């Protein structure tokens, strides 16, 4: 899941029709679950 920084939500950077300018402006981070035993990314259930 992409989590934009505060104030960048309105840029909608994850939408398919988002402009390149908005994608380059929308700073944020990815949130995901990691299996502590293997280090693999865990898909949401």
C-alpha atoms as a PDB file:
ATOM      1  CA  UNK A   1       0.000   0.000   0.000  1.00  0.00           C
ATOM      2  CA  UNK A   2       1.302   3.432  -0.935  1.00  0.00           C
ATOM      3  CA  UNK A   3       1.114   6.057   1.840  1.00  0.00           C
ATOM      4  CA  UNK A   4       1.627   9.604   0.562  1.00  0.00           C
ATOM      5  CA  UNK A   5       3.046  12.255   2.875  1.00  0.00           C
ATOM      6  CA  UNK A   6       0.609  14.698   4.450  1.00  0.00           C
ATOM      7  CA  UNK A   7      -0.591  17.131   1.813  1.00  0.00           C
ATOM      8  CA  UNK A   8       0.142  14.872  -1.179  1.00  0.00           C
ATOM      9  CA  UNK A   9      -3.084  12.833  -0.985  1.00  0.00           C
ATOM     10  CA  UNK A  10      -4.837  15.117  -3.478  1.00  0.00           C
ATOM     11  CA  UNK A  11      -2.227  14.309  -6.154  1.00  0.00           C
ATOM     12  CA  UNK A  12      -3.699  10.782  -6.484  1.00  0.00           C
ATOM     13  CA  UNK A  13      -0.336   9.416  -7.637  1.00  0.00           C
ATOM     14  CA  UNK A  14      -1.489   5.776  -7.651  1.00  0.00           C
ATOM     15  CA  UNK A  15      -4.288   6.312 -10.190  1.00  0.00           C
ATOM     16  CA  UNK A  16      -3.620   5.067 -13.716  1.00  0.00           C
ATOM     17  CA  UNK A  17      -4.384   8.441 -15.321  1.00  0.00           C
ATOM     18  CA  UNK A  18      -2.196  10.458 -12.924  1.00  0.00           C
ATOM     19  CA  UNK A  19       0.183  12.894 -14.613  1.00  0.00           C
ATOM     20  CA  UNK A  20       3.930  12.362 -14.495  1.00  0.00           C
ATOM     21  CA  UNK A  21       4.269  15.730 -12.749  1.00  0.00           C
ATOM     22  CA  UNK A  22       1.978  14.569  -9.914  1.00  0.00           C
ATOM     23  CA  UNK A  23       3.805  11.234  -9.651  1.00  0.00           C
ATOM     24  CA  UNK A  24       7.148  13.019  -9.322  1.00  0.00           C
ATOM     25  CA  UNK A  25       5.743  15.405  -6.685  1.00  0.00           C
ATOM     26  CA  UNK A  26       3.908  12.849  -4.513  1.00  0.00           C
ATOM     27  CA  UNK A  27       6.467  11.745  -1.956  1.00  0.00           C
ATOM     28  CA  UNK A  28       5.524   8.947   0.382  1.00  0.00           C
ATOM     29  CA  UNK A  29       6.389   5.400   1.295  1.00  0.00           C
ATOM     30  CA  UNK A  30       5.265   1.820   0.774  1.00  0.00           C
ATOM     31  CA  UNK A  31       3.735  -0.142   3.639  1.00  0.00           C
ATOM     32  CA  UNK A  32       3.812  -3.942   3.510  1.00  0.00           C
ATOM     33  CA  UNK A  33       4.017  -6.920   5.819  1.00  0.00           C
ATOM     34  CA  UNK A  34       7.290  -8.876   5.981  1.00  0.00           C
ATOM     35  CA  UNK A  35       7.571 -12.477   7.158  1.00  0.00           C
ATOM     36  CA  UNK A  36       9.992 -12.291  10.088  1.00  0.00           C
ATOM     37  CA  UNK A  37      11.312 -15.818   9.453  1.00  0.00           C
ATOM     38  CA  UNK A  38      12.011 -15.581   5.711  1.00  0.00           C
ATOM     39  CA  UNK A  39      12.096 -11.852   4.996  1.00  0.00           C
ATOM     40  CA  UNK A  40       9.542 -12.374   2.210  1.00  0.00           C
ATOM     41  CA  UNK A  41       6.791  -9.865   1.489  1.00  0.00           C
ATOM     42  CA  UNK A  42       3.452 -11.197   2.751  1.00  0.00           C
ATOM     43  CA  UNK A  43       0.352 -10.622   0.619  1.00  0.00           C
ATOM     44  CA  UNK A  44      -2.609  -9.146   2.475  1.00  0.00           C
ATOM     45  CA  UNK A  45      -5.222 -11.696   3.504  1.00  0.00           C
END
